[in-house]
Amino acid sequence: MLDTIDKILRYTSEYKSAEELYQNDRDSDAAMMNFIVLGEESGKLTDELKNINPQVNWSKVYGLRNIIAHHYFRINVDIVWQIIVNDLPKLKTDLKALIS
């Protein structure tokens, strides 16, 4: 999951807004695909691990996967951008702490 987060952050790091990112099909598609992968990876974790780590909103991680996979052409790019900027760094920190 950490590698997947790093990929999303790397693919989006040069952009300053959702509009900029979504003008580049390759980078935006790569980021979206990795959000799907991130959700799939979270879905494979045990319920026990998720229950003892409630600091991560596991249902939202997996839920975003479903939204992207099933509603790709109707995604609110500004919300995804906010997730990239605000939520992914915290998720990365939480996962690192969980691994430690």
N, C-alpha and C. Protein backbone atom coordinates (compact mmCIF):
# COMPACT_ATOMS: atom_id res chain seq x y z
N MET A 1 0.82 -1.19 0.00
CA MET A 1 0.00 0.00 0.00
C MET A 1 0.87 1.26 0.00
N LEU A 2 1.98 1.21 0.72
CA LEU A 2 2.86 2.37 0.73
C LEU A 2 3.43 2.64 -0.65
N ASP A 3 3.82 1.58 -1.36
CA ASP A 3 4.33 1.76 -2.72
C ASP A 3 3.28 2.37 -3.63
N THR A 4 2.04 1.96 -3.46
CA THR A 4 0.95 2.49 -4.28
C THR A 4 0.71 3.96 -3.98
N ILE A 5 0.74 4.32 -2.71
CA ILE A 5 0.59 5.73 -2.33
C ILE A 5 1.74 6.54 -2.92
N ASP A 6 2.95 6.01 -2.83
CA ASP A 6 4.11 6.72 -3.40
C ASP A 6 3.94 6.94 -4.90
N LYS A 7 3.40 5.95 -5.59
CA LYS A 7 3.18 6.12 -7.03
C LYS A 7 2.19 7.25 -7.30
N ILE A 8 1.08 7.27 -6.57
CA ILE A 8 0.09 8.33 -6.77
C ILE A 8 0.72 9.69 -6.51
N LEU A 9 1.44 9.80 -5.42
CA LEU A 9 2.07 11.08 -5.09
C LEU A 9 3.12 11.46 -6.12
N ARG A 10 3.85 10.51 -6.64
CA ARG A 10 4.86 10.78 -7.66
C ARG A 10 4.20 11.22 -8.97
N TYR A 11 3.13 10.53 -9.37
CA TYR A 11 2.46 10.87 -10.62
C TYR A 11 1.79 12.24 -10.57
N THR A 12 1.49 12.72 -9.39
CA THR A 12 0.74 13.97 -9.27
C THR A 12 1.57 15.12 -8.71
N SER A 13 2.82 14.88 -8.38
CA SER A 13 3.63 15.86 -7.65
C SER A 13 3.91 17.14 -8.41
N GLU A 14 3.94 17.10 -9.71
CA GLU A 14 4.29 18.31 -10.46
C GLU A 14 3.10 19.23 -10.72
N TYR A 15 1.93 18.82 -10.31
CA TYR A 15 0.72 19.60 -10.58
C TYR A 15 0.32 20.44 -9.37
N LYS A 16 -0.30 21.57 -9.66
CA LYS A 16 -0.72 22.47 -8.60
C LYS A 16 -2.23 22.50 -8.41
N SER A 17 -2.96 21.80 -9.27
CA SER A 17 -4.42 21.79 -9.16
C SER A 17 -4.98 20.57 -9.87
N ALA A 18 -6.25 20.30 -9.57
CA ALA A 18 -6.95 19.20 -10.23
C ALA A 18 -7.00 19.43 -11.73
N GLU A 19 -7.25 20.67 -12.13
CA GLU A 19 -7.35 20.98 -13.55
C GLU A 19 -6.06 20.67 -14.29
N GLU A 20 -4.94 21.04 -13.69
CA GLU A 20 -3.64 20.74 -14.31
C GLU A 20 -3.45 19.23 -14.46
N LEU A 21 -3.71 18.50 -13.39
CA LEU A 21 -3.53 17.05 -13.42
C LEU A 21 -4.39 16.42 -14.50
N TYR A 22 -5.65 16.80 -14.56
CA TYR A 22 -6.56 16.14 -15.48
C TYR A 22 -6.39 16.58 -16.93
N GLN A 23 -5.50 17.52 -17.18
CA GLN A 23 -5.13 17.84 -18.56
C GLN A 23 -4.10 16.86 -19.08
N ASN A 24 -3.48 16.10 -18.19
CA ASN A 24 -2.51 15.08 -18.59
C ASN A 24 -3.15 13.71 -18.39
N ASP A 25 -3.64 13.14 -19.48
CA ASP A 25 -4.34 11.86 -19.41
C ASP A 25 -3.50 10.76 -18.79
N ARG A 26 -2.24 10.70 -19.15
CA ARG A 26 -1.39 9.62 -18.65
C ARG A 26 -1.27 9.66 -17.13
N ASP A 27 -0.93 10.82 -16.59
CA ASP A 27 -0.72 10.93 -15.15
C ASP A 27 -2.03 10.79 -14.38
N SER A 28 -3.10 11.38 -14.89
CA SER A 28 -4.37 11.26 -14.17
C SER A 28 -4.89 9.82 -14.23
N ASP A 29 -4.76 9.17 -15.38
CA ASP A 29 -5.18 7.76 -15.48
C ASP A 29 -4.33 6.87 -14.58
N ALA A 30 -3.03 7.14 -14.52
CA ALA A 30 -2.14 6.35 -13.66
C ALA A 30 -2.51 6.53 -12.19
N ALA A 31 -2.80 7.75 -11.80
CA ALA A 31 -3.20 8.00 -10.41
C ALA A 31 -4.51 7.28 -10.10
N MET A 32 -5.48 7.38 -11.00
CA MET A 32 -6.77 6.72 -10.77
C MET A 32 -6.61 5.20 -10.67
N MET A 33 -5.82 4.63 -11.55
CA MET A 33 -5.60 3.19 -11.49
C MET A 33 -4.98 2.79 -10.17
N ASN A 34 -4.07 3.59 -9.68
CA ASN A 34 -3.44 3.26 -8.40
C ASN A 34 -4.36 3.47 -7.22
N PHE A 35 -5.34 4.35 -7.33
CA PHE A 35 -6.36 4.43 -6.29
C PHE A 35 -7.17 3.13 -6.26
N ILE A 36 -7.44 2.58 -7.43
CA ILE A 36 -8.14 1.29 -7.50
C ILE A 36 -7.28 0.20 -6.84
N VAL A 37 -6.00 0.19 -7.16
CA VAL A 37 -5.08 -0.79 -6.56
C VAL A 37 -5.03 -0.61 -5.05
N LEU A 38 -4.96 0.63 -4.58
CA LEU A 38 -4.92 0.90 -3.15
C LEU A 38 -6.16 0.34 -2.45
N GLY A 39 -7.32 0.55 -3.05
CA GLY A 39 -8.54 0.01 -2.48
C GLY A 39 -8.54 -1.50 -2.46
N GLU A 40 -8.09 -2.11 -3.55
CA GLU A 40 -8.00 -3.58 -3.61
C GLU A 40 -7.07 -4.10 -2.52
N GLU A 41 -5.95 -3.44 -2.35
CA GLU A 41 -5.00 -3.87 -1.32
C GLU A 41 -5.61 -3.76 0.07
N SER A 42 -6.34 -2.68 0.32
CA SER A 42 -6.96 -2.53 1.64
C SER A 42 -8.04 -3.58 1.87
N GLY A 43 -8.70 -3.98 0.80
CA GLY A 43 -9.74 -5.00 0.92
C GLY A 43 -9.20 -6.38 1.26
N LYS A 44 -7.92 -6.60 1.05
CA LYS A 44 -7.30 -7.89 1.34
C LYS A 44 -6.78 -7.99 2.78
N LEU A 45 -6.82 -6.87 3.50
CA LEU A 45 -6.37 -6.89 4.89
C LEU A 45 -7.41 -7.59 5.76
N THR A 46 -6.95 -8.18 6.83
CA THR A 46 -7.88 -8.87 7.71
C THR A 46 -8.74 -7.87 8.49
N ASP A 47 -9.92 -8.33 8.86
CA ASP A 47 -10.79 -7.50 9.69
C ASP A 47 -10.13 -7.20 11.03
N GLU A 48 -9.40 -8.15 11.54
CA GLU A 48 -8.71 -7.95 12.82
C GLU A 48 -7.73 -6.78 12.73
N LEU A 49 -6.93 -6.75 11.68
CA LEU A 49 -5.96 -5.66 11.50
C LEU A 49 -6.68 -4.33 11.37
N LYS A 50 -7.76 -4.30 10.61
CA LYS A 50 -8.52 -3.06 10.44
C LYS A 50 -9.15 -2.62 11.76
N ASN A 51 -9.67 -3.56 12.51
CA ASN A 51 -10.34 -3.22 13.77
C ASN A 51 -9.39 -2.67 14.82
N ILE A 52 -8.16 -3.15 14.84
CA ILE A 52 -7.20 -2.65 15.83
C ILE A 52 -6.47 -1.39 15.33
N ASN A 53 -6.81 -0.94 14.13
CA ASN A 53 -6.22 0.28 13.57
C ASN A 53 -7.32 1.20 13.04
N PRO A 54 -8.19 1.66 13.93
CA PRO A 54 -9.31 2.49 13.49
C PRO A 54 -8.90 3.90 13.06
N GLN A 55 -7.63 4.27 13.26
CA GLN A 55 -7.17 5.59 12.83
C GLN A 55 -7.23 5.73 11.30
N VAL A 56 -7.27 4.59 10.61
CA VAL A 56 -7.41 4.59 9.15
C VAL A 56 -8.88 4.32 8.84
N ASN A 57 -9.45 5.14 8.00
CA ASN A 57 -10.84 4.92 7.60
C ASN A 57 -10.84 3.94 6.42
N TRP A 58 -10.76 2.67 6.75
CA TRP A 58 -10.62 1.61 5.74
C TRP A 58 -11.78 1.60 4.75
N SER A 59 -12.97 1.88 5.23
CA SER A 59 -14.13 1.84 4.33
C SER A 59 -14.05 2.95 3.28
N LYS A 60 -13.47 4.09 3.62
CA LYS A 60 -13.31 5.16 2.64
C LYS A 60 -12.22 4.81 1.62
N VAL A 61 -11.16 4.15 2.08
CA VAL A 61 -10.10 3.75 1.15
C VAL A 61 -10.69 2.79 0.11
N TYR A 62 -11.44 1.82 0.57
CA TYR A 62 -12.05 0.86 -0.35
C TYR A 62 -13.20 1.51 -1.13
N GLY A 63 -13.94 2.38 -0.50
CA GLY A 63 -15.06 3.03 -1.16
C GLY A 63 -14.62 3.89 -2.34
N LEU A 64 -13.48 4.57 -2.21
CA LEU A 64 -12.97 5.36 -3.32
C LEU A 64 -12.64 4.46 -4.50
N ARG A 65 -12.13 3.28 -4.22
CA ARG A 65 -11.86 2.30 -5.27
C ARG A 65 -13.13 2.00 -6.06
N ASN A 66 -14.22 1.78 -5.35
CA ASN A 66 -15.49 1.48 -6.01
C ASN A 66 -15.99 2.65 -6.85
N ILE A 67 -15.87 3.84 -6.32
CA ILE A 67 -16.32 5.02 -7.06
C ILE A 67 -15.52 5.17 -8.35
N ILE A 68 -14.21 5.06 -8.25
CA ILE A 68 -13.37 5.22 -9.45
C ILE A 68 -13.62 4.11 -10.44
N ALA A 69 -13.69 2.88 -9.96
CA ALA A 69 -13.86 1.74 -10.87
C ALA A 69 -15.21 1.74 -11.57
N HIS A 70 -16.25 2.20 -10.89
CA HIS A 70 -17.59 2.07 -11.45
C HIS A 70 -18.18 3.36 -12.00
N HIS A 71 -17.57 4.49 -11.65
CA HIS A 71 -18.11 5.78 -12.10
C HIS A 71 -17.00 6.66 -12.68
N TYR A 72 -16.07 6.04 -13.38
CA TYR A 72 -14.84 6.72 -13.81
C TYR A 72 -15.11 8.05 -14.52
N PHE A 73 -16.10 8.10 -15.38
CA PHE A 73 -16.33 9.30 -16.17
C PHE A 73 -17.17 10.36 -15.46
N ARG A 74 -17.58 10.06 -14.22
CA ARG A 74 -18.38 11.03 -13.45
C ARG A 74 -17.70 11.38 -12.14
N ILE A 75 -16.40 11.22 -12.07
CA ILE A 75 -15.67 11.49 -10.84
C ILE A 75 -15.47 12.99 -10.67
N ASN A 76 -15.68 13.47 -9.46
CA ASN A 76 -15.41 14.87 -9.15
C ASN A 76 -13.90 15.02 -8.94
N VAL A 77 -13.25 15.61 -9.93
CA VAL A 77 -11.79 15.69 -9.91
C VAL A 77 -11.27 16.56 -8.76
N ASP A 78 -12.06 17.54 -8.35
CA ASP A 78 -11.62 18.38 -7.23
C ASP A 78 -11.59 17.60 -5.93
N ILE A 79 -12.53 16.69 -5.74
CA ILE A 79 -12.52 15.85 -4.54
C ILE A 79 -11.33 14.91 -4.55
N VAL A 80 -11.07 14.30 -5.70
CA VAL A 80 -9.90 13.40 -5.79
C VAL A 80 -8.62 14.19 -5.54
N TRP A 81 -8.55 15.40 -6.07
CA TRP A 81 -7.37 16.24 -5.83
C TRP A 81 -7.19 16.52 -4.34
N GLN A 82 -8.27 16.82 -3.64
CA GLN A 82 -8.20 17.06 -2.21
C GLN A 82 -7.74 15.81 -1.46
N ILE A 83 -8.17 14.66 -1.91
CA ILE A 83 -7.71 13.41 -1.30
C ILE A 83 -6.21 13.25 -1.50
N ILE A 84 -5.73 13.55 -2.71
CA ILE A 84 -4.30 13.44 -3.00
C ILE A 84 -3.50 14.39 -2.11
N VAL A 85 -3.95 15.62 -2.01
CA VAL A 85 -3.20 16.65 -1.28
C VAL A 85 -3.34 16.49 0.24
N ASN A 86 -4.53 16.19 0.72
CA ASN A 86 -4.79 16.22 2.16
C ASN A 86 -4.78 14.85 2.83
N ASP A 87 -5.32 13.85 2.17
CA ASP A 87 -5.54 12.56 2.84
C ASP A 87 -4.44 11.54 2.61
N LEU A 88 -3.86 11.52 1.41
CA LEU A 88 -2.82 10.50 1.15
C LEU A 88 -1.60 10.65 2.04
N PRO A 89 -1.09 11.86 2.26
CA PRO A 89 0.07 11.96 3.17
C PRO A 89 -0.23 11.43 4.57
N LYS A 90 -1.43 11.71 5.08
CA LYS A 90 -1.80 11.19 6.41
C LYS A 90 -1.93 9.68 6.38
N LEU A 91 -2.55 9.14 5.33
CA LEU A 91 -2.67 7.69 5.20
C LEU A 91 -1.29 7.04 5.16
N LYS A 92 -0.38 7.65 4.45
CA LYS A 92 0.98 7.13 4.37
C LYS A 92 1.63 7.12 5.76
N THR A 93 1.47 8.19 6.50
CA THR A 93 2.01 8.27 7.86
C THR A 93 1.39 7.20 8.76
N ASP A 94 0.06 7.06 8.68
CA ASP A 94 -0.63 6.05 9.49
C ASP A 94 -0.17 4.63 9.15
N LEU A 95 0.01 4.35 7.87
CA LEU A 95 0.46 3.01 7.47
C LEU A 95 1.89 2.74 7.93
N LYS A 96 2.74 3.75 7.85
CA LYS A 96 4.12 3.57 8.34
C LYS A 96 4.11 3.26 9.83
N ALA A 97 3.28 3.97 10.58
CA ALA A 97 3.18 3.72 12.02
C ALA A 97 2.65 2.33 12.30
N LEU A 98 1.69 1.90 11.50
CA LEU A 98 1.11 0.57 11.66
C LEU A 98 2.17 -0.51 11.43
N ILE A 99 3.01 -0.30 10.44
CA ILE A 99 4.06 -1.27 10.11
C ILE A 99 5.12 -1.31 11.22
N SER A 100 5.39 -0.15 11.81
CA SER A 100 6.38 -0.09 12.89
C SER A 100 5.85 -0.85 14.06
